[in-house]
């Protein structure tokens, strides 16, 4: 697996865990960061998979 995709998946998990300790008024920030990192992980993995051949 691509190292970038692995990093983005871990970063998305950490951001998702932060939603449990953040105040309700700012909860959207780690949620958006987690979604962004998940999309980046998927794009990075797909890029690695198509260029592997």
N, C-alpha and C. Protein backbone atom coordinates (compact mmCIF):
# COMPACT_ATOMS: atom_id res chain seq x y z
N UNK A 1 0.84 -1.18 0.00
CA UNK A 1 0.00 0.00 0.00
C UNK A 1 0.89 1.25 0.00
N UNK A 2 0.37 2.27 -0.59
CA UNK A 2 1.08 3.54 -0.68
C UNK A 2 1.25 4.16 0.71
N UNK A 3 2.43 4.69 0.98
CA UNK A 3 2.69 5.29 2.29
C UNK A 3 1.88 6.56 2.51
N UNK A 4 1.63 7.29 1.43
CA UNK A 4 0.79 8.50 1.57
C UNK A 4 -0.62 8.13 1.98
N UNK A 5 -1.17 7.10 1.36
CA UNK A 5 -2.54 6.67 1.69
C UNK A 5 -2.61 6.20 3.14
N UNK A 6 -1.60 5.49 3.59
CA UNK A 6 -1.58 5.03 4.97
C UNK A 6 -1.53 6.22 5.93
N UNK A 7 -0.70 7.21 5.64
CA UNK A 7 -0.63 8.41 6.47
C UNK A 7 -1.98 9.11 6.52
N UNK A 8 -2.62 9.29 5.37
CA UNK A 8 -3.90 9.98 5.33
C UNK A 8 -4.98 9.20 6.10
N UNK A 9 -4.94 7.88 6.05
CA UNK A 9 -5.92 7.09 6.80
C UNK A 9 -5.70 7.26 8.31
N UNK A 10 -4.45 7.25 8.74
CA UNK A 10 -4.16 7.44 10.17
C UNK A 10 -4.56 8.84 10.61
N UNK A 11 -4.25 9.85 9.78
CA UNK A 11 -4.61 11.22 10.12
C UNK A 11 -6.13 11.38 10.19
N UNK A 12 -6.86 10.71 9.31
CA UNK A 12 -8.33 10.77 9.34
C UNK A 12 -8.86 10.13 10.61
N UNK A 13 -8.25 9.03 11.04
CA UNK A 13 -8.69 8.37 12.27
C UNK A 13 -8.43 9.26 13.49
N UNK A 14 -7.27 9.91 13.52
CA UNK A 14 -6.95 10.80 14.63
C UNK A 14 -7.92 11.98 14.66
N UNK A 15 -8.21 12.55 13.51
CA UNK A 15 -9.15 13.66 13.45
C UNK A 15 -10.55 13.21 13.88
N UNK A 16 -10.93 12.01 13.50
CA UNK A 16 -12.24 11.50 13.91
C UNK A 16 -12.29 11.29 15.42
N UNK A 17 -11.19 10.85 16.01
CA UNK A 17 -11.16 10.69 17.46
C UNK A 17 -11.22 12.03 18.18
N UNK A 18 -10.71 13.07 17.56
CA UNK A 18 -10.75 14.39 18.17
C UNK A 18 -12.17 14.94 18.29
N UNK A 19 -13.08 14.44 17.51
CA UNK A 19 -14.46 14.93 17.59
C UNK A 19 -15.09 14.60 18.93
N UNK A 20 -14.56 13.60 19.63
CA UNK A 20 -15.14 13.22 20.92
C UNK A 20 -14.72 14.16 22.05
N UNK A 21 -13.62 14.90 21.88
CA UNK A 21 -13.14 15.76 22.96
C UNK A 21 -13.30 17.25 22.66
N UNK A 22 -13.75 17.59 21.47
CA UNK A 22 -13.92 18.99 21.08
C UNK A 22 -15.31 19.47 21.49
N UNK A 23 -15.41 20.76 21.83
CA UNK A 23 -16.71 21.34 22.16
C UNK A 23 -17.66 21.24 20.96
N UNK A 24 -18.95 21.30 21.27
CA UNK A 24 -19.96 21.17 20.22
C UNK A 24 -19.90 22.31 19.20
N UNK A 25 -19.47 23.48 19.63
CA UNK A 25 -19.45 24.62 18.72
C UNK A 25 -18.38 24.48 17.65
N UNK A 26 -17.32 23.73 17.94
CA UNK A 26 -16.22 23.57 16.97
C UNK A 26 -16.10 22.14 16.46
N UNK A 27 -17.09 21.33 16.67
CA UNK A 27 -17.01 19.92 16.29
C UNK A 27 -16.90 19.73 14.77
N UNK A 28 -17.38 20.70 14.01
CA UNK A 28 -17.35 20.57 12.55
C UNK A 28 -15.92 20.58 12.00
N UNK A 29 -14.99 21.19 12.72
CA UNK A 29 -13.61 21.30 12.21
C UNK A 29 -12.94 19.93 12.10
N UNK A 30 -12.86 19.12 13.16
CA UNK A 30 -12.23 17.81 12.99
C UNK A 30 -13.03 16.88 12.09
N UNK A 31 -14.36 17.09 12.03
CA UNK A 31 -15.16 16.27 11.11
C UNK A 31 -14.78 16.56 9.66
N UNK A 32 -14.65 17.84 9.32
CA UNK A 32 -14.25 18.20 7.96
C UNK A 32 -12.83 17.75 7.65
N UNK A 33 -11.95 17.86 8.63
CA UNK A 33 -10.57 17.40 8.43
C UNK A 33 -10.54 15.89 8.21
N UNK A 34 -11.31 15.15 8.98
CA UNK A 34 -11.36 13.69 8.83
C UNK A 34 -11.90 13.30 7.45
N UNK A 35 -12.93 13.99 7.01
CA UNK A 35 -13.49 13.69 5.68
C UNK A 35 -12.48 14.03 4.59
N UNK A 36 -11.81 15.16 4.74
CA UNK A 36 -10.80 15.57 3.75
C UNK A 36 -9.67 14.55 3.68
N UNK A 37 -9.18 14.12 4.83
CA UNK A 37 -8.09 13.13 4.84
C UNK A 37 -8.56 11.79 4.29
N UNK A 38 -9.80 11.41 4.52
CA UNK A 38 -10.31 10.16 3.96
C UNK A 38 -10.38 10.22 2.44
N UNK A 39 -10.80 11.36 1.92
CA UNK A 39 -10.84 11.54 0.46
C UNK A 39 -9.43 11.52 -0.12
N UNK A 40 -8.51 12.19 0.56
CA UNK A 40 -7.11 12.18 0.11
C UNK A 40 -6.51 10.78 0.16
N UNK A 41 -6.86 10.00 1.17
CA UNK A 41 -6.37 8.62 1.26
C UNK A 41 -6.90 7.79 0.09
N UNK A 42 -8.18 7.94 -0.21
CA UNK A 42 -8.75 7.19 -1.33
C UNK A 42 -8.12 7.60 -2.66
N UNK A 43 -7.93 8.90 -2.85
CA UNK A 43 -7.33 9.37 -4.10
C UNK A 43 -5.88 8.92 -4.21
N UNK A 44 -5.14 8.95 -3.12
CA UNK A 44 -3.75 8.52 -3.14
C UNK A 44 -3.65 7.03 -3.42
N UNK A 45 -4.53 6.24 -2.81
CA UNK A 45 -4.52 4.80 -3.05
C UNK A 45 -4.86 4.49 -4.51
N UNK A 46 -5.87 5.16 -5.05
CA UNK A 46 -6.24 4.91 -6.44
C UNK A 46 -5.12 5.34 -7.39
N UNK A 47 -4.44 6.42 -7.09
CA UNK A 47 -3.31 6.86 -7.89
C UNK A 47 -2.20 5.82 -7.86
N UNK A 48 -1.90 5.31 -6.68
CA UNK A 48 -0.85 4.30 -6.53
C UNK A 48 -1.24 3.02 -7.27
N UNK A 49 -2.50 2.65 -7.18
CA UNK A 49 -2.94 1.40 -7.82
C UNK A 49 -2.90 1.48 -9.34
N UNK A 50 -3.27 2.63 -9.90
CA UNK A 50 -3.26 2.75 -11.36
C UNK A 50 -1.84 2.90 -11.91
N UNK A 51 -0.93 3.50 -11.14
CA UNK A 51 0.45 3.66 -11.60
C UNK A 51 1.31 2.44 -11.30
N UNK A 52 0.81 1.49 -10.56
CA UNK A 52 1.57 0.29 -10.19
C UNK A 52 1.84 -0.59 -11.40
N UNK A 53 0.98 -0.57 -12.36
CA UNK A 53 1.09 -1.47 -13.51
C UNK A 53 2.10 -1.03 -14.47
